[in-house]
Amino acid sequence: MQLLFKVTLLFGVICAGYSAYRFVFFLKSDRLAGKAVMWMIGGEFVGLAAYCFFATLEVMGIDPDPLVSTLLRNIVFASALAASIHMSGAIRKIGDD
């Protein structure tokens, strides 16, 4: 079972790393659509990083404090909400052009 946890963690780190790479790529964009995608990928990265954190704790055999778990989940939810709000506003502006 420990091998499965480690493979899952490795997969999560690869996914989070790719999201971080794409975030930096779109960070350089000066177009509204590029910035909107940057926000979406940034929100995705925050969620993936939190899941990697929990996977790391699982590999190490540490049971996280429920308050810490709840706080991290709220950060993930807030990041996703902010990214969705930004993306919908950007799409609306692009549609008005």
N, C-alpha and C. Protein backbone atom coordinates (compact mmCIF):
# COMPACT_ATOMS: atom_id res chain seq x y z
N MET A 1 0.84 -1.20 0.00
CA MET A 1 0.00 0.00 0.00
C MET A 1 0.88 1.26 0.00
N GLN A 2 2.01 1.18 0.71
CA GLN A 2 2.91 2.33 0.79
C GLN A 2 3.43 2.71 -0.61
N LEU A 3 3.67 1.71 -1.46
CA LEU A 3 4.13 1.98 -2.83
C LEU A 3 3.07 2.76 -3.60
N LEU A 4 1.82 2.39 -3.44
CA LEU A 4 0.72 3.11 -4.10
C LEU A 4 0.67 4.55 -3.63
N PHE A 5 0.85 4.79 -2.33
CA PHE A 5 0.87 6.15 -1.80
C PHE A 5 2.00 6.96 -2.42
N LYS A 6 3.17 6.34 -2.55
CA LYS A 6 4.32 7.05 -3.11
C LYS A 6 4.15 7.34 -4.59
N VAL A 7 3.59 6.39 -5.33
CA VAL A 7 3.33 6.61 -6.76
C VAL A 7 2.29 7.72 -6.94
N THR A 8 1.27 7.72 -6.09
CA THR A 8 0.24 8.76 -6.14
C THR A 8 0.85 10.13 -5.84
N LEU A 9 1.72 10.18 -4.86
CA LEU A 9 2.39 11.44 -4.53
C LEU A 9 3.26 11.91 -5.70
N LEU A 10 4.01 11.01 -6.30
CA LEU A 10 4.84 11.37 -7.45
C LEU A 10 3.98 11.90 -8.59
N PHE A 11 2.87 11.24 -8.87
CA PHE A 11 1.96 11.69 -9.92
C PHE A 11 1.41 13.08 -9.61
N GLY A 12 1.06 13.30 -8.35
CA GLY A 12 0.55 14.61 -7.93
C GLY A 12 1.59 15.70 -8.09
N VAL A 13 2.84 15.40 -7.72
CA VAL A 13 3.92 16.39 -7.85
C VAL A 13 4.16 16.73 -9.33
N ILE A 14 4.11 15.71 -10.19
CA ILE A 14 4.28 15.96 -11.63
C ILE A 14 3.15 16.85 -12.14
N CYS A 15 1.91 16.56 -11.75
CA CYS A 15 0.76 17.37 -12.19
C CYS A 15 0.86 18.79 -11.67
N ALA A 16 1.21 18.95 -10.40
CA ALA A 16 1.34 20.29 -9.82
C ALA A 16 2.48 21.05 -10.48
N GLY A 17 3.57 20.37 -10.76
CA GLY A 17 4.70 21.01 -11.43
C GLY A 17 4.33 21.49 -12.82
N TYR A 18 3.58 20.68 -13.54
CA TYR A 18 3.15 21.11 -14.88
C TYR A 18 2.22 22.31 -14.79
N SER A 19 1.33 22.31 -13.81
CA SER A 19 0.44 23.46 -13.63
C SER A 19 1.25 24.72 -13.30
N ALA A 20 2.25 24.57 -12.46
CA ALA A 20 3.10 25.72 -12.12
C ALA A 20 3.83 26.24 -13.36
N TYR A 21 4.33 25.33 -14.18
CA TYR A 21 5.01 25.71 -15.42
C TYR A 21 4.07 26.47 -16.35
N ARG A 22 2.86 25.97 -16.53
CA ARG A 22 1.89 26.65 -17.42
C ARG A 22 1.45 27.98 -16.82
N PHE A 23 1.34 28.05 -15.49
CA PHE A 23 1.00 29.31 -14.82
C PHE A 23 2.03 30.38 -15.17
N VAL A 24 3.31 30.04 -15.06
CA VAL A 24 4.37 31.00 -15.38
C VAL A 24 4.32 31.38 -16.86
N PHE A 25 4.02 30.41 -17.72
CA PHE A 25 3.92 30.69 -19.15
C PHE A 25 2.83 31.74 -19.42
N PHE A 26 1.66 31.55 -18.84
CA PHE A 26 0.56 32.49 -19.07
C PHE A 26 0.70 33.77 -18.27
N LEU A 27 1.51 33.76 -17.24
CA LEU A 27 1.79 34.96 -16.46
C LEU A 27 2.42 36.04 -17.35
N LYS A 28 3.18 35.60 -18.34
CA LYS A 28 3.86 36.52 -19.26
C LYS A 28 2.93 37.09 -20.33
N SER A 29 1.73 36.55 -20.44
CA SER A 29 0.79 36.99 -21.46
C SER A 29 0.26 38.38 -21.15
N ASP A 30 0.09 39.18 -22.21
CA ASP A 30 -0.49 40.51 -22.03
C ASP A 30 -1.94 40.56 -22.55
N ARG A 31 -2.45 39.41 -22.95
CA ARG A 31 -3.83 39.34 -23.45
C ARG A 31 -4.77 38.92 -22.33
N LEU A 32 -5.99 39.38 -22.42
CA LEU A 32 -6.99 39.08 -21.39
C LEU A 32 -7.26 37.58 -21.29
N ALA A 33 -7.34 36.90 -22.42
CA ALA A 33 -7.59 35.46 -22.39
C ALA A 33 -6.44 34.73 -21.71
N GLY A 34 -5.21 35.16 -21.98
CA GLY A 34 -4.05 34.55 -21.34
C GLY A 34 -4.06 34.75 -19.84
N LYS A 35 -4.44 35.94 -19.40
CA LYS A 35 -4.52 36.21 -17.95
C LYS A 35 -5.62 35.37 -17.30
N ALA A 36 -6.73 35.21 -18.01
CA ALA A 36 -7.83 34.40 -17.47
C ALA A 36 -7.39 32.95 -17.30
N VAL A 37 -6.69 32.44 -18.31
CA VAL A 37 -6.19 31.07 -18.21
C VAL A 37 -5.17 30.96 -17.08
N MET A 38 -4.35 32.00 -16.91
CA MET A 38 -3.37 32.01 -15.83
C MET A 38 -4.07 31.86 -14.47
N TRP A 39 -5.15 32.60 -14.27
CA TRP A 39 -5.89 32.51 -13.01
C TRP A 39 -6.47 31.11 -12.81
N MET A 40 -7.01 30.52 -13.87
CA MET A 40 -7.58 29.18 -13.76
C MET A 40 -6.49 28.16 -13.40
N ILE A 41 -5.36 28.25 -14.08
CA ILE A 41 -4.28 27.31 -13.81
C ILE A 41 -3.69 27.57 -12.43
N GLY A 42 -3.66 28.83 -12.00
CA GLY A 42 -3.19 29.15 -10.66
C GLY A 42 -4.08 28.52 -9.59
N GLY A 43 -5.39 28.58 -9.80
CA GLY A 43 -6.32 27.93 -8.88
C GLY A 43 -6.14 26.42 -8.88
N GLU A 44 -5.92 25.88 -10.06
CA GLU A 44 -5.66 24.44 -10.17
C GLU A 44 -4.39 24.06 -9.40
N PHE A 45 -3.35 24.88 -9.54
CA PHE A 45 -2.10 24.61 -8.85
C PHE A 45 -2.27 24.61 -7.33
N VAL A 46 -3.03 25.57 -6.83
CA VAL A 46 -3.25 25.63 -5.38
C VAL A 46 -3.92 24.34 -4.89
N GLY A 47 -4.93 23.90 -5.62
CA GLY A 47 -5.61 22.65 -5.26
C GLY A 47 -4.69 21.45 -5.32
N LEU A 48 -3.91 21.35 -6.39
CA LEU A 48 -2.99 20.22 -6.54
C LEU A 48 -1.91 20.25 -5.46
N ALA A 49 -1.42 21.44 -5.13
CA ALA A 49 -0.40 21.55 -4.08
C ALA A 49 -0.96 21.09 -2.73
N ALA A 50 -2.21 21.45 -2.44
CA ALA A 50 -2.83 21.01 -1.19
C ALA A 50 -2.98 19.49 -1.17
N TYR A 51 -3.41 18.92 -2.29
CA TYR A 51 -3.55 17.46 -2.34
C TYR A 51 -2.19 16.78 -2.20
N CYS A 52 -1.15 17.37 -2.78
CA CYS A 52 0.20 16.82 -2.62
C CYS A 52 0.64 16.89 -1.16
N PHE A 53 0.27 17.95 -0.49
CA PHE A 53 0.60 18.08 0.92
C PHE A 53 -0.04 16.94 1.71
N PHE A 54 -1.31 16.67 1.47
CA PHE A 54 -2.00 15.59 2.17
C PHE A 54 -1.43 14.24 1.78
N ALA A 55 -1.07 14.06 0.52
CA ALA A 55 -0.46 12.79 0.09
C ALA A 55 0.89 12.59 0.78
N THR A 56 1.64 13.68 0.95
CA THR A 56 2.93 13.59 1.65
C THR A 56 2.72 13.17 3.10
N LEU A 57 1.73 13.76 3.74
CA LEU A 57 1.43 13.36 5.12
C LEU A 57 1.05 11.89 5.20
N GLU A 58 0.29 11.43 4.22
CA GLU A 58 -0.13 10.03 4.20
C GLU A 58 1.07 9.10 4.05
N VAL A 59 2.01 9.46 3.16
CA VAL A 59 3.22 8.67 2.97
C VAL A 59 4.04 8.62 4.26
N MET A 60 4.06 9.75 4.96
CA MET A 60 4.84 9.84 6.20
C MET A 60 4.12 9.22 7.39
N GLY A 61 2.86 8.85 7.20
CA GLY A 61 2.09 8.25 8.28
C GLY A 61 1.57 9.26 9.30
N ILE A 62 1.45 10.51 8.89
CA ILE A 62 0.98 11.56 9.78
C ILE A 62 -0.49 11.83 9.51
N ASP A 63 -1.27 11.88 10.56
CA ASP A 63 -2.69 12.20 10.44
C ASP A 63 -2.85 13.70 10.71
N PRO A 64 -3.22 14.49 9.71
CA PRO A 64 -3.28 15.94 9.90
C PRO A 64 -4.37 16.37 10.88
N ASP A 65 -4.13 17.48 11.51
CA ASP A 65 -5.11 18.07 12.41
C ASP A 65 -6.36 18.45 11.61
N PRO A 66 -7.56 18.16 12.11
CA PRO A 66 -8.78 18.49 11.38
C PRO A 66 -8.91 19.98 11.05
N LEU A 67 -8.42 20.84 11.93
CA LEU A 67 -8.49 22.27 11.67
C LEU A 67 -7.61 22.66 10.49
N VAL A 68 -6.41 22.06 10.41
CA VAL A 68 -5.50 22.32 9.28
C VAL A 68 -6.13 21.82 7.98
N SER A 69 -6.71 20.63 8.03
CA SER A 69 -7.38 20.07 6.86
C SER A 69 -8.49 20.98 6.37
N THR A 70 -9.30 21.45 7.30
CA THR A 70 -10.42 22.32 6.95
C THR A 70 -9.91 23.65 6.38
N LEU A 71 -8.88 24.20 6.97
CA LEU A 71 -8.30 25.45 6.47
C LEU A 71 -7.78 25.28 5.05
N LEU A 72 -7.05 24.20 4.79
CA LEU A 72 -6.52 23.97 3.44
C LEU A 72 -7.64 23.74 2.43
N ARG A 73 -8.67 23.04 2.83
CA ARG A 73 -9.81 22.84 1.91
C ARG A 73 -10.46 24.18 1.57
N ASN A 74 -10.62 25.04 2.56
CA ASN A 74 -11.21 26.36 2.30
C ASN A 74 -10.33 27.20 1.38
N ILE A 75 -9.03 27.08 1.51
CA ILE A 75 -8.11 27.79 0.61
C ILE A 75 -8.29 27.27 -0.82
N VAL A 76 -8.40 25.96 -0.96
CA VAL A 76 -8.61 25.36 -2.29
C VAL A 76 -9.94 25.84 -2.87
N PHE A 77 -10.99 25.81 -2.08
CA PHE A 77 -12.31 26.25 -2.56
C PHE A 77 -12.28 27.73 -2.95
N ALA A 78 -11.66 28.56 -2.13
CA ALA A 78 -11.59 30.00 -2.42
C ALA A 78 -10.78 30.26 -3.68
N SER A 79 -9.70 29.52 -3.88
CA SER A 79 -8.90 29.69 -5.09
C SER A 79 -9.69 29.31 -6.33
N ALA A 80 -10.41 28.22 -6.24
CA ALA A 80 -11.23 27.79 -7.38
C ALA A 80 -12.34 28.81 -7.67
N LEU A 81 -12.96 29.33 -6.63
CA LEU A 81 -14.02 30.33 -6.82
C LEU A 81 -13.46 31.61 -7.43
N ALA A 82 -12.32 32.09 -6.92
CA ALA A 82 -11.72 33.31 -7.47
C ALA A 82 -11.33 33.12 -8.93
N ALA A 83 -10.78 31.97 -9.25
CA ALA A 83 -10.39 31.70 -10.63
C ALA A 83 -11.62 31.63 -11.54
N SER A 84 -12.69 31.01 -11.07
CA SER A 84 -13.92 30.91 -11.88
C SER A 84 -14.55 32.28 -12.09
N ILE A 85 -14.57 33.11 -11.05
CA ILE A 85 -15.13 34.46 -11.18
C ILE A 85 -14.31 35.27 -12.18
N HIS A 86 -12.99 35.19 -12.06
CA HIS A 86 -12.13 35.93 -12.98
C HIS A 86 -12.31 35.45 -14.42
N MET A 87 -12.37 34.13 -14.60
CA MET A 87 -12.52 33.57 -15.94
C MET A 87 -13.85 33.98 -16.56
N SER A 88 -14.92 33.94 -15.80
CA SER A 88 -16.22 34.30 -16.36
C SER A 88 -16.26 35.79 -16.72
N GLY A 89 -15.64 36.64 -15.91
CA GLY A 89 -15.58 38.07 -16.23
C GLY A 89 -14.74 38.33 -17.47
N ALA A 90 -13.64 37.62 -17.60
CA ALA A 90 -12.78 37.79 -18.78
C ALA A 90 -13.48 37.34 -20.04
N ILE A 91 -14.18 36.22 -19.96
CA ILE A 91 -14.90 35.70 -21.13
C ILE A 91 -16.01 36.69 -21.53
N ARG A 92 -16.68 37.27 -20.54
CA ARG A 92 -17.71 38.27 -20.83
C ARG A 92 -17.09 39.47 -21.55
N LYS A 93 -15.94 39.95 -21.08
CA LYS A 93 -15.27 41.09 -21.72
C LYS A 93 -14.81 40.75 -23.13
N ILE A 94 -14.28 39.56 -23.31
CA ILE A 94 -13.84 39.14 -24.64
C ILE A 94 -15.02 39.07 -25.58
N GLY A 95 -16.17 38.59 -25.08
CA GLY A 95 -17.38 38.52 -25.90
C GLY A 95 -17.91 39.88 -26.28
N ASP A 96 -17.64 40.91 -25.46
CA ASP A 96 -18.12 42.26 -25.77
C ASP A 96 -17.24 42.98 -26.78
N ASP A 97 -16.03 42.48 -26.98
CA ASP A 97 -15.11 43.14 -27.95
C ASP A 97 -15.49 42.95 -29.37
